[in-house]
mmCIF file of all heavy atoms, coordinates in Angstrom:
data_MODEL
# 
_entry.id   MODEL 
# 
loop_
_atom_site.group_PDB 
_atom_site.id 
_atom_site.type_symbol 
_atom_site.label_atom_id 
_atom_site.label_alt_id 
_atom_site.label_comp_id 
_atom_site.label_asym_id 
_atom_site.label_entity_id 
_atom_site.label_seq_id 
_atom_site.pdbx_PDB_ins_code 
_atom_site.Cartn_x 
_atom_site.Cartn_y 
_atom_site.Cartn_z 
_atom_site.occupancy 
_atom_site.B_iso_or_equiv 
_atom_site.pdbx_formal_charge 
_atom_site.auth_seq_id 
_atom_site.auth_comp_id 
_atom_site.auth_asym_id 
_atom_site.auth_atom_id 
_atom_site.pdbx_PDB_model_num 
ATOM 1   N N   . ASP A 1 1  ? 62.670 81.392 131.378 1.00 0.00 ? 1  ASP A N   1 
ATOM 2   C CA  . ASP A 1 1  ? 63.284 82.468 130.590 1.00 0.00 ? 1  ASP A CA  1 
ATOM 3   C C   . ASP A 1 1  ? 62.348 82.887 129.464 1.00 0.00 ? 1  ASP A C   1 
ATOM 4   O O   . ASP A 1 1  ? 62.164 84.079 129.193 1.00 0.00 ? 1  ASP A O   1 
ATOM 5   C CB  . ASP A 1 1  ? 64.620 82.010 129.994 1.00 0.00 ? 1  ASP A CB  1 
ATOM 6   C CG  . ASP A 1 1  ? 65.743 81.989 131.012 1.00 0.00 ? 1  ASP A CG  1 
ATOM 7   O OD1 . ASP A 1 1  ? 65.560 82.569 132.099 1.00 0.00 ? 1  ASP A OD1 1 
ATOM 8   O OD2 . ASP A 1 1  ? 66.790 81.394 130.720 1.00 0.00 ? 1  ASP A OD2 1 
ATOM 9   N N   . ARG A 1 2  ? 61.760 81.902 128.789 1.00 0.00 ? 2  ARG A N   1 
ATOM 10  C CA  . ARG A 1 2  ? 60.845 82.215 127.692 1.00 0.00 ? 2  ARG A CA  1 
ATOM 11  C C   . ARG A 1 2  ? 59.622 82.980 128.196 1.00 0.00 ? 2  ARG A C   1 
ATOM 12  O O   . ARG A 1 2  ? 59.109 83.872 127.505 1.00 0.00 ? 2  ARG A O   1 
ATOM 13  C CB  . ARG A 1 2  ? 60.433 80.931 126.968 1.00 0.00 ? 2  ARG A CB  1 
ATOM 14  C CG  . ARG A 1 2  ? 61.528 80.361 126.079 1.00 0.00 ? 2  ARG A CG  1 
ATOM 15  C CD  . ARG A 1 2  ? 61.028 79.226 125.235 1.00 0.00 ? 2  ARG A CD  1 
ATOM 16  N NE  . ARG A 1 2  ? 60.837 78.002 126.019 1.00 0.00 ? 2  ARG A NE  1 
ATOM 17  C CZ  . ARG A 1 2  ? 61.783 77.092 126.205 1.00 0.00 ? 2  ARG A CZ  1 
ATOM 18  N NH1 . ARG A 1 2  ? 62.988 77.274 125.682 1.00 0.00 ? 2  ARG A NH1 1 
ATOM 19  N NH2 . ARG A 1 2  ? 61.545 76.005 126.910 1.00 0.00 ? 2  ARG A NH2 1 
ATOM 20  N N   . VAL A 1 3  ? 59.153 82.643 129.391 1.00 0.00 ? 3  VAL A N   1 
ATOM 21  C CA  . VAL A 1 3  ? 58.032 83.372 129.979 1.00 0.00 ? 3  VAL A CA  1 
ATOM 22  C C   . VAL A 1 3  ? 58.424 84.832 130.225 1.00 0.00 ? 3  VAL A C   1 
ATOM 23  O O   . VAL A 1 3  ? 57.669 85.768 129.908 1.00 0.00 ? 3  VAL A O   1 
ATOM 24  C CB  . VAL A 1 3  ? 57.580 82.705 131.296 1.00 0.00 ? 3  VAL A CB  1 
ATOM 25  C CG1 . VAL A 1 3  ? 56.547 83.579 132.011 1.00 0.00 ? 3  VAL A CG1 1 
ATOM 26  C CG2 . VAL A 1 3  ? 57.003 81.318 131.025 1.00 0.00 ? 3  VAL A CG2 1 
ATOM 27  N N   . GLN A 1 4  ? 59.610 85.044 130.770 1.00 0.00 ? 4  GLN A N   1 
ATOM 28  C CA  . GLN A 1 4  ? 60.070 86.406 131.051 1.00 0.00 ? 4  GLN A CA  1 
ATOM 29  C C   . GLN A 1 4  ? 60.254 87.203 129.763 1.00 0.00 ? 4  GLN A C   1 
ATOM 30  O O   . GLN A 1 4  ? 59.915 88.394 129.692 1.00 0.00 ? 4  GLN A O   1 
ATOM 31  C CB  . GLN A 1 4  ? 61.372 86.371 131.847 1.00 0.00 ? 4  GLN A CB  1 
ATOM 32  C CG  . GLN A 1 4  ? 61.210 85.779 133.238 1.00 0.00 ? 4  GLN A CG  1 
ATOM 33  C CD  . GLN A 1 4  ? 62.485 85.856 134.052 1.00 0.00 ? 4  GLN A CD  1 
ATOM 34  O OE1 . GLN A 1 4  ? 62.849 86.921 134.540 1.00 0.00 ? 4  GLN A OE1 1 
ATOM 35  N NE2 . GLN A 1 4  ? 63.154 84.725 134.209 1.00 0.00 ? 4  GLN A NE2 1 
ATOM 36  N N   . VAL A 1 5  ? 60.791 86.540 128.740 1.00 0.00 ? 5  VAL A N   1 
ATOM 37  C CA  . VAL A 1 5  ? 60.972 87.214 127.454 1.00 0.00 ? 5  VAL A CA  1 
ATOM 38  C C   . VAL A 1 5  ? 59.612 87.587 126.866 1.00 0.00 ? 5  VAL A C   1 
ATOM 39  O O   . VAL A 1 5  ? 59.425 88.695 126.344 1.00 0.00 ? 5  VAL A O   1 
ATOM 40  C CB  . VAL A 1 5  ? 61.762 86.312 126.483 1.00 0.00 ? 5  VAL A CB  1 
ATOM 41  C CG1 . VAL A 1 5  ? 61.752 86.901 125.073 1.00 0.00 ? 5  VAL A CG1 1 
ATOM 42  C CG2 . VAL A 1 5  ? 63.192 86.124 126.971 1.00 0.00 ? 5  VAL A CG2 1 
ATOM 43  N N   . ARG A 1 6  ? 58.645 86.681 126.945 1.00 0.00 ? 6  ARG A N   1 
ATOM 44  C CA  . ARG A 1 6  ? 57.325 86.938 126.377 1.00 0.00 ? 6  ARG A CA  1 
ATOM 45  C C   . ARG A 1 6  ? 56.634 88.114 127.059 1.00 0.00 ? 6  ARG A C   1 
ATOM 46  O O   . ARG A 1 6  ? 56.038 88.961 126.403 1.00 0.00 ? 6  ARG A O   1 
ATOM 47  C CB  . ARG A 1 6  ? 56.456 85.680 126.477 1.00 0.00 ? 6  ARG A CB  1 
ATOM 48  C CG  . ARG A 1 6  ? 55.088 85.844 125.823 1.00 0.00 ? 6  ARG A CG  1 
ATOM 49  C CD  . ARG A 1 6  ? 54.383 84.517 125.659 1.00 0.00 ? 6  ARG A CD  1 
ATOM 50  N NE  . ARG A 1 6  ? 53.862 84.003 126.915 1.00 0.00 ? 6  ARG A NE  1 
ATOM 51  C CZ  . ARG A 1 6  ? 54.293 82.921 127.531 1.00 0.00 ? 6  ARG A CZ  1 
ATOM 52  N NH1 . ARG A 1 6  ? 55.300 82.225 127.020 1.00 0.00 ? 6  ARG A NH1 1 
ATOM 53  N NH2 . ARG A 1 6  ? 53.738 82.509 128.666 1.00 0.00 ? 6  ARG A NH2 1 
ATOM 54  N N   . PHE A 1 7  ? 56.738 88.174 128.378 1.00 0.00 ? 7  PHE A N   1 
ATOM 55  C CA  . PHE A 1 7  ? 56.061 89.228 129.119 1.00 0.00 ? 7  PHE A CA  1 
ATOM 56  C C   . PHE A 1 7  ? 56.930 90.469 129.329 1.00 0.00 ? 7  PHE A C   1 
ATOM 57  O O   . PHE A 1 7  ? 56.427 91.533 129.717 1.00 0.00 ? 7  PHE A O   1 
ATOM 58  C CB  . PHE A 1 7  ? 55.600 88.704 130.482 1.00 0.00 ? 7  PHE A CB  1 
ATOM 59  C CG  . PHE A 1 7  ? 54.515 87.672 130.398 1.00 0.00 ? 7  PHE A CG  1 
ATOM 60  C CD1 . PHE A 1 7  ? 54.554 86.548 131.209 1.00 0.00 ? 7  PHE A CD1 1 
ATOM 61  C CD2 . PHE A 1 7  ? 53.457 87.829 129.517 1.00 0.00 ? 7  PHE A CD2 1 
ATOM 62  C CE1 . PHE A 1 7  ? 53.543 85.593 131.147 1.00 0.00 ? 7  PHE A CE1 1 
ATOM 63  C CE2 . PHE A 1 7  ? 52.443 86.879 129.445 1.00 0.00 ? 7  PHE A CE2 1 
ATOM 64  C CZ  . PHE A 1 7  ? 52.486 85.760 130.260 1.00 0.00 ? 7  PHE A CZ  1 
ATOM 65  N N   . GLY A 1 8  ? 58.235 90.334 129.101 1.00 0.00 ? 8  GLY A N   1 
ATOM 66  C CA  . GLY A 1 8  ? 59.132 91.472 129.324 1.00 0.00 ? 8  GLY A CA  1 
ATOM 67  C C   . GLY A 1 8  ? 59.288 91.844 130.775 1.00 0.00 ? 8  GLY A C   1 
ATOM 68  O O   . GLY A 1 8  ? 59.576 93.001 131.108 1.00 0.00 ? 8  GLY A O   1 
ATOM 69  N N   . GLU A 1 9  ? 59.109 90.868 131.668 1.00 0.00 ? 9  GLU A N   1 
ATOM 70  C CA  . GLU A 1 9  ? 59.243 91.132 133.098 1.00 0.00 ? 9  GLU A CA  1 
ATOM 71  C C   . GLU A 1 9  ? 59.708 89.873 133.811 1.00 0.00 ? 9  GLU A C   1 
ATOM 72  O O   . GLU A 1 9  ? 59.549 88.760 133.305 1.00 0.00 ? 9  GLU A O   1 
ATOM 73  C CB  . GLU A 1 9  ? 57.902 91.580 133.690 1.00 0.00 ? 9  GLU A CB  1 
ATOM 74  C CG  . GLU A 1 9  ? 56.834 90.501 133.670 1.00 0.00 ? 9  GLU A CG  1 
ATOM 75  C CD  . GLU A 1 9  ? 55.547 90.924 134.368 1.00 0.00 ? 9  GLU A CD  1 
ATOM 76  O OE1 . GLU A 1 9  ? 55.173 92.109 134.246 1.00 0.00 ? 9  GLU A OE1 1 
ATOM 77  O OE2 . GLU A 1 9  ? 54.917 90.067 135.031 1.00 0.00 ? 9  GLU A OE2 1 
ATOM 78  N N   . GLY A 1 10 ? 60.296 90.066 134.989 1.00 0.00 ? 10 GLY A N   1 
ATOM 79  C CA  . GLY A 1 10 ? 60.759 88.951 135.795 1.00 0.00 ? 10 GLY A CA  1 
ATOM 80  C C   . GLY A 1 10 ? 62.095 89.262 136.432 1.00 0.00 ? 10 GLY A C   1 
ATOM 81  O O   . GLY A 1 10 ? 62.748 90.258 136.090 1.00 0.00 ? 10 GLY A O   1 
ATOM 82  N N   . PRO A 1 11 ? 62.535 88.443 137.365 1.00 0.00 ? 11 PRO A N   1 
ATOM 83  C CA  . PRO A 1 11 ? 63.780 88.722 138.088 1.00 0.00 ? 11 PRO A CA  1 
ATOM 84  C C   . PRO A 1 11 ? 65.007 88.736 137.195 1.00 0.00 ? 11 PRO A C   1 
ATOM 85  O O   . PRO A 1 11 ? 65.923 89.536 137.402 1.00 0.00 ? 11 PRO A O   1 
ATOM 86  C CB  . PRO A 1 11 ? 63.845 87.586 139.123 1.00 0.00 ? 11 PRO A CB  1 
ATOM 87  C CG  . PRO A 1 11 ? 62.960 86.510 138.561 1.00 0.00 ? 11 PRO A CG  1 
ATOM 88  C CD  . PRO A 1 11 ? 61.880 87.219 137.824 1.00 0.00 ? 11 PRO A CD  1 
ATOM 89  N N   . CYS A 1 12 ? 65.039 87.845 136.208 1.00 0.00 ? 12 CYS A N   1 
ATOM 90  C CA  . CYS A 1 12 ? 66.205 87.795 135.324 1.00 0.00 ? 12 CYS A CA  1 
ATOM 91  C C   . CYS A 1 12 ? 66.300 89.061 134.486 1.00 0.00 ? 12 CYS A C   1 
ATOM 92  O O   . CYS A 1 12 ? 67.369 89.643 134.332 1.00 0.00 ? 12 CYS A O   1 
ATOM 93  C CB  . CYS A 1 12 ? 66.122 86.571 134.420 1.00 0.00 ? 12 CYS A CB  1 
ATOM 94  S SG  . CYS A 1 12 ? 67.455 86.491 133.224 1.00 0.00 ? 12 CYS A SG  1 
ATOM 95  N N   . VAL A 1 13 ? 65.171 89.502 133.937 1.00 0.00 ? 13 VAL A N   1 
ATOM 96  C CA  . VAL A 1 13 ? 65.157 90.731 133.147 1.00 0.00 ? 13 VAL A CA  1 
ATOM 97  C C   . VAL A 1 13 ? 65.560 91.919 134.005 1.00 0.00 ? 13 VAL A C   1 
ATOM 98  O O   . VAL A 1 13 ? 66.364 92.769 133.591 1.00 0.00 ? 13 VAL A O   1 
ATOM 99  C CB  . VAL A 1 13 ? 63.765 90.948 132.525 1.00 0.00 ? 13 VAL A CB  1 
ATOM 100 C CG1 . VAL A 1 13 ? 63.694 92.309 131.833 1.00 0.00 ? 13 VAL A CG1 1 
ATOM 101 C CG2 . VAL A 1 13 ? 63.438 89.835 131.539 1.00 0.00 ? 13 VAL A CG2 1 
ATOM 102 N N   . ASP A 1 14 ? 65.039 91.988 135.221 1.00 0.00 ? 14 ASP A N   1 
ATOM 103 C CA  . ASP A 1 14 ? 65.395 93.088 136.115 1.00 0.00 ? 14 ASP A CA  1 
ATOM 104 C C   . ASP A 1 14 ? 66.887 93.085 136.433 1.00 0.00 ? 14 ASP A C   1 
ATOM 105 O O   . ASP A 1 14 ? 67.551 94.128 136.405 1.00 0.00 ? 14 ASP A O   1 
ATOM 106 C CB  . ASP A 1 14 ? 64.600 92.987 137.423 1.00 0.00 ? 14 ASP A CB  1 
ATOM 107 C CG  . ASP A 1 14 ? 63.159 93.447 137.263 1.00 0.00 ? 14 ASP A CG  1 
ATOM 108 O OD1 . ASP A 1 14 ? 62.777 93.818 136.126 1.00 0.00 ? 14 ASP A OD1 1 
ATOM 109 O OD2 . ASP A 1 14 ? 62.404 93.412 138.259 1.00 0.00 ? 14 ASP A OD2 1 
ATOM 110 N N   . ALA A 1 15 ? 67.420 91.905 136.749 1.00 0.00 ? 15 ALA A N   1 
ATOM 111 C CA  . ALA A 1 15 ? 68.840 91.812 137.095 1.00 0.00 ? 15 ALA A CA  1 
ATOM 112 C C   . ALA A 1 15 ? 69.715 92.176 135.910 1.00 0.00 ? 15 ALA A C   1 
ATOM 113 O O   . ALA A 1 15 ? 70.718 92.889 136.054 1.00 0.00 ? 15 ALA A O   1 
ATOM 114 C CB  . ALA A 1 15 ? 69.174 90.408 137.599 1.00 0.00 ? 15 ALA A CB  1 
ATOM 115 N N   . ALA A 1 16 ? 69.359 91.672 134.730 1.00 0.00 ? 16 ALA A N   1 
ATOM 116 C CA  . ALA A 1 16 ? 70.185 91.897 133.546 1.00 0.00 ? 16 ALA A CA  1 
ATOM 117 C C   . ALA A 1 16 ? 70.179 93.352 133.104 1.00 0.00 ? 16 ALA A C   1 
ATOM 118 O O   . ALA A 1 16 ? 71.177 93.868 132.605 1.00 0.00 ? 16 ALA A O   1 
ATOM 119 C CB  . ALA A 1 16 ? 69.705 91.007 132.404 1.00 0.00 ? 16 ALA A CB  1 
ATOM 120 N N   . VAL A 1 17 ? 69.054 94.035 133.300 1.00 0.00 ? 17 VAL A N   1 
ATOM 121 C CA  . VAL A 1 17 ? 68.898 95.378 132.754 1.00 0.00 ? 17 VAL A CA  1 
ATOM 122 C C   . VAL A 1 17 ? 69.130 96.465 133.798 1.00 0.00 ? 17 VAL A C   1 
ATOM 123 O O   . VAL A 1 17 ? 69.788 97.474 133.529 1.00 0.00 ? 17 VAL A O   1 
ATOM 124 C CB  . VAL A 1 17 ? 67.497 95.531 132.126 1.00 0.00 ? 17 VAL A CB  1 
ATOM 125 C CG1 . VAL A 1 17 ? 67.266 96.968 131.661 1.00 0.00 ? 17 VAL A CG1 1 
ATOM 126 C CG2 . VAL A 1 17 ? 67.322 94.558 130.966 1.00 0.00 ? 17 VAL A CG2 1 
ATOM 127 N N   . ASP A 1 18 ? 68.599 96.272 134.993 1.00 0.00 ? 18 ASP A N   1 
ATOM 128 C CA  . ASP A 1 18 ? 68.552 97.378 135.953 1.00 0.00 ? 18 ASP A CA  1 
ATOM 129 C C   . ASP A 1 18 ? 69.447 97.237 137.186 1.00 0.00 ? 18 ASP A C   1 
ATOM 130 O O   . ASP A 1 18 ? 69.887 98.237 137.748 1.00 0.00 ? 18 ASP A O   1 
ATOM 131 C CB  . ASP A 1 18 ? 67.115 97.588 136.446 1.00 0.00 ? 18 ASP A CB  1 
ATOM 132 C CG  . ASP A 1 18 ? 66.187 98.000 135.315 1.00 0.00 ? 18 ASP A CG  1 
ATOM 133 O OD1 . ASP A 1 18 ? 66.647 98.754 134.448 1.00 0.00 ? 18 ASP A OD1 1 
ATOM 134 O OD2 . ASP A 1 18 ? 65.034 97.548 135.295 1.00 0.00 ? 18 ASP A OD2 1 
ATOM 135 N N   . GLY A 1 19 ? 69.674 96.035 137.665 1.00 0.00 ? 19 GLY A N   1 
ATOM 136 C CA  . GLY A 1 19 ? 70.377 95.909 138.937 1.00 0.00 ? 19 GLY A CA  1 
ATOM 137 C C   . GLY A 1 19 ? 71.300 94.711 138.963 1.00 0.00 ? 19 GLY A C   1 
ATOM 138 O O   . GLY A 1 19 ? 71.323 93.914 138.046 1.00 0.00 ? 19 GLY A O   1 
ATOM 139 N N   . PHE A 1 20 ? 72.078 94.606 140.037 1.00 0.00 ? 20 PHE A N   1 
ATOM 140 C CA  . PHE A 1 20 ? 73.036 93.516 140.115 1.00 0.00 ? 20 PHE A CA  1 
ATOM 141 C C   . PHE A 1 20 ? 72.387 92.223 140.610 1.00 0.00 ? 20 PHE A C   1 
ATOM 142 O O   . PHE A 1 20 ? 72.566 91.167 140.026 1.00 0.00 ? 20 PHE A O   1 
ATOM 143 C CB  . PHE A 1 20 ? 74.202 93.895 141.023 1.00 0.00 ? 20 PHE A CB  1 
ATOM 144 C CG  . PHE A 1 20 ? 75.269 92.825 141.064 1.00 0.00 ? 20 PHE A CG  1 
ATOM 145 C CD1 . PHE A 1 20 ? 75.877 92.393 139.907 1.00 0.00 ? 20 PHE A CD1 1 
ATOM 146 C CD2 . PHE A 1 20 ? 75.643 92.242 142.268 1.00 0.00 ? 20 PHE A CD2 1 
ATOM 147 C CE1 . PHE A 1 20 ? 76.854 91.393 139.934 1.00 0.00 ? 20 PHE A CE1 1 
ATOM 148 C CE2 . PHE A 1 20 ? 76.615 91.252 142.305 1.00 0.00 ? 20 PHE A CE2 1 
ATOM 149 C CZ  . PHE A 1 20 ? 77.216 90.830 141.131 1.00 0.00 ? 20 PHE A CZ  1 
ATOM 150 N N   . VAL A 1 21 ? 71.644 92.305 141.705 1.00 0.00 ? 21 VAL A N   1 
ATOM 151 C CA  . VAL A 1 21 ? 70.997 91.119 142.267 1.00 0.00 ? 21 VAL A CA  1 
ATOM 152 C C   . VAL A 1 21 ? 69.501 91.387 142.404 1.00 0.00 ? 21 VAL A C   1 
ATOM 153 O O   . VAL A 1 21 ? 69.097 92.407 142.957 1.00 0.00 ? 21 VAL A O   1 
ATOM 154 C CB  . VAL A 1 21 ? 71.583 90.749 143.649 1.00 0.00 ? 21 VAL A CB  1 
ATOM 155 C CG1 . VAL A 1 21 ? 70.857 89.525 144.213 1.00 0.00 ? 21 VAL A CG1 1 
ATOM 156 C CG2 . VAL A 1 21 ? 73.078 90.490 143.552 1.00 0.00 ? 21 VAL A CG2 1 
ATOM 157 N N   . THR A 1 22 ? 68.696 90.478 141.870 1.00 0.00 ? 22 THR A N   1 
ATOM 158 C CA  . THR A 1 22 ? 67.249 90.546 142.051 1.00 0.00 ? 22 THR A CA  1 
ATOM 159 C C   . THR A 1 22 ? 66.805 89.252 142.720 1.00 0.00 ? 22 THR A C   1 
ATOM 160 O O   . THR A 1 22 ? 67.070 88.166 142.207 1.00 0.00 ? 22 THR A O   1 
ATOM 161 C CB  . THR A 1 22 ? 66.519 90.718 140.709 1.00 0.00 ? 22 THR A CB  1 
ATOM 162 O OG1 . THR A 1 22 ? 66.992 91.909 140.069 1.00 0.00 ? 22 THR A OG1 1 
ATOM 163 C CG2 . THR A 1 22 ? 65.016 90.833 140.919 1.00 0.00 ? 22 THR A CG2 1 
ATOM 164 N N   . ARG A 1 23 ? 66.116 89.382 143.840 1.00 0.00 ? 23 ARG A N   1 
ATOM 165 C CA  . ARG A 1 23 ? 65.793 88.210 144.654 1.00 0.00 ? 23 ARG A CA  1 
ATOM 166 C C   . ARG A 1 23 ? 64.348 88.261 145.121 1.00 0.00 ? 23 ARG A C   1 
ATOM 167 O O   . ARG A 1 23 ? 63.850 89.306 145.510 1.00 0.00 ? 23 ARG A O   1 
ATOM 168 C CB  . ARG A 1 23 ? 66.750 88.183 145.852 1.00 0.00 ? 23 ARG A CB  1 
ATOM 169 C CG  . ARG A 1 23 ? 66.496 87.122 146.902 1.00 0.00 ? 23 ARG A CG  1 
ATOM 170 C CD  . ARG A 1 23 ? 67.628 87.208 147.912 1.00 0.00 ? 23 ARG A CD  1 
ATOM 171 N NE  . ARG A 1 23 ? 67.293 86.713 149.221 1.00 0.00 ? 23 ARG A NE  1 
ATOM 172 C CZ  . ARG A 1 23 ? 68.040 86.900 150.312 1.00 0.00 ? 23 ARG A CZ  1 
ATOM 173 N NH1 . ARG A 1 23 ? 69.172 87.577 150.225 1.00 0.00 ? 23 ARG A NH1 1 
ATOM 174 N NH2 . ARG A 1 23 ? 67.679 86.398 151.477 1.00 0.00 ? 23 ARG A NH2 1 
ATOM 175 N N   . SER A 1 24 ? 63.695 87.115 145.051 1.00 0.00 ? 24 SER A N   1 
ATOM 176 C CA  . SER A 1 24 ? 62.350 86.979 145.607 1.00 0.00 ? 24 SER A CA  1 
ATOM 177 C C   . SER A 1 24 ? 62.346 85.756 146.506 1.00 0.00 ? 24 SER A C   1 
ATOM 178 O O   . SER A 1 24 ? 62.563 84.631 146.047 1.00 0.00 ? 24 SER A O   1 
ATOM 179 C CB  . SER A 1 24 ? 61.305 86.831 144.501 1.00 0.00 ? 24 SER A CB  1 
ATOM 180 O OG  . SER A 1 24 ? 60.010 86.696 145.067 1.00 0.00 ? 24 SER A OG  1 
ATOM 181 N N   . ASP A 1 25 ? 62.111 85.972 147.794 1.00 0.00 ? 25 ASP A N   1 
ATOM 182 C CA  . ASP A 1 25 ? 62.154 84.869 148.753 1.00 0.00 ? 25 ASP A CA  1 
ATOM 183 C C   . ASP A 1 25 ? 60.883 84.027 148.747 1.00 0.00 ? 25 ASP A C   1 
ATOM 184 O O   . ASP A 1 25 ? 60.925 82.843 149.105 1.00 0.00 ? 25 ASP A O   1 
ATOM 185 C CB  . ASP A 1 25 ? 62.389 85.417 150.165 1.00 0.00 ? 25 ASP A CB  1 
ATOM 186 C CG  . ASP A 1 25 ? 63.785 86.002 150.321 1.00 0.00 ? 25 ASP A CG  1 
ATOM 187 O OD1 . ASP A 1 25 ? 64.718 85.448 149.708 1.00 0.00 ? 25 ASP A OD1 1 
ATOM 188 O OD2 . ASP A 1 25 ? 63.935 87.005 151.037 1.00 0.00 ? 25 ASP A OD2 1 
ATOM 189 N N   . ASP A 1 26 ? 59.771 84.630 148.356 1.00 0.00 ? 26 ASP A N   1 
ATOM 190 C CA  . ASP A 1 26 ? 58.501 83.901 148.375 1.00 0.00 ? 26 ASP A CA  1 
ATOM 191 C C   . ASP A 1 26 ? 57.605 84.447 147.268 1.00 0.00 ? 26 ASP A C   1 
ATOM 192 O O   . ASP A 1 26 ? 57.016 85.524 147.391 1.00 0.00 ? 26 ASP A O   1 
ATOM 193 C CB  . ASP A 1 26 ? 57.821 84.065 149.739 1.00 0.00 ? 26 ASP A CB  1 
ATOM 194 C CG  . ASP A 1 26 ? 56.574 83.196 149.871 1.00 0.00 ? 26 ASP A CG  1 
ATOM 195 O OD1 . ASP A 1 26 ? 56.183 82.543 148.876 1.00 0.00 ? 26 ASP A OD1 1 
ATOM 196 O OD2 . ASP A 1 26 ? 55.997 83.162 150.967 1.00 0.00 ? 26 ASP A OD2 1 
ATOM 197 N N   . LEU A 1 27 ? 57.526 83.705 146.172 1.00 0.00 ? 27 LEU A N   1 
ATOM 198 C CA  . LEU A 1 27 ? 56.765 84.177 145.024 1.00 0.00 ? 27 LEU A CA  1 
ATOM 199 C C   . LEU A 1 27 ? 55.262 84.232 145.291 1.00 0.00 ? 27 LEU A C   1 
ATOM 200 O O   . LEU A 1 27 ? 54.532 84.899 144.547 1.00 0.00 ? 27 LEU A O   1 
ATOM 201 C CB  . LEU A 1 27 ? 57.046 83.287 143.808 1.00 0.00 ? 27 LEU A CB  1 
ATOM 202 C CG  . LEU A 1 27 ? 58.428 83.463 143.160 1.00 0.00 ? 27 LEU A CG  1 
ATOM 203 C CD1 . LEU A 1 27 ? 58.639 82.416 142.068 1.00 0.00 ? 27 LEU A CD1 1 
ATOM 204 C CD2 . LEU A 1 27 ? 58.602 84.857 142.595 1.00 0.00 ? 27 LEU A CD2 1 
# 
């Protein structure tokens, strides 16, 4: 979470702000 907050990007940020479900099957 701290990494996503620092960079302002990631699945959690995308889900919370833009969409309902954000999923990555293979990073």
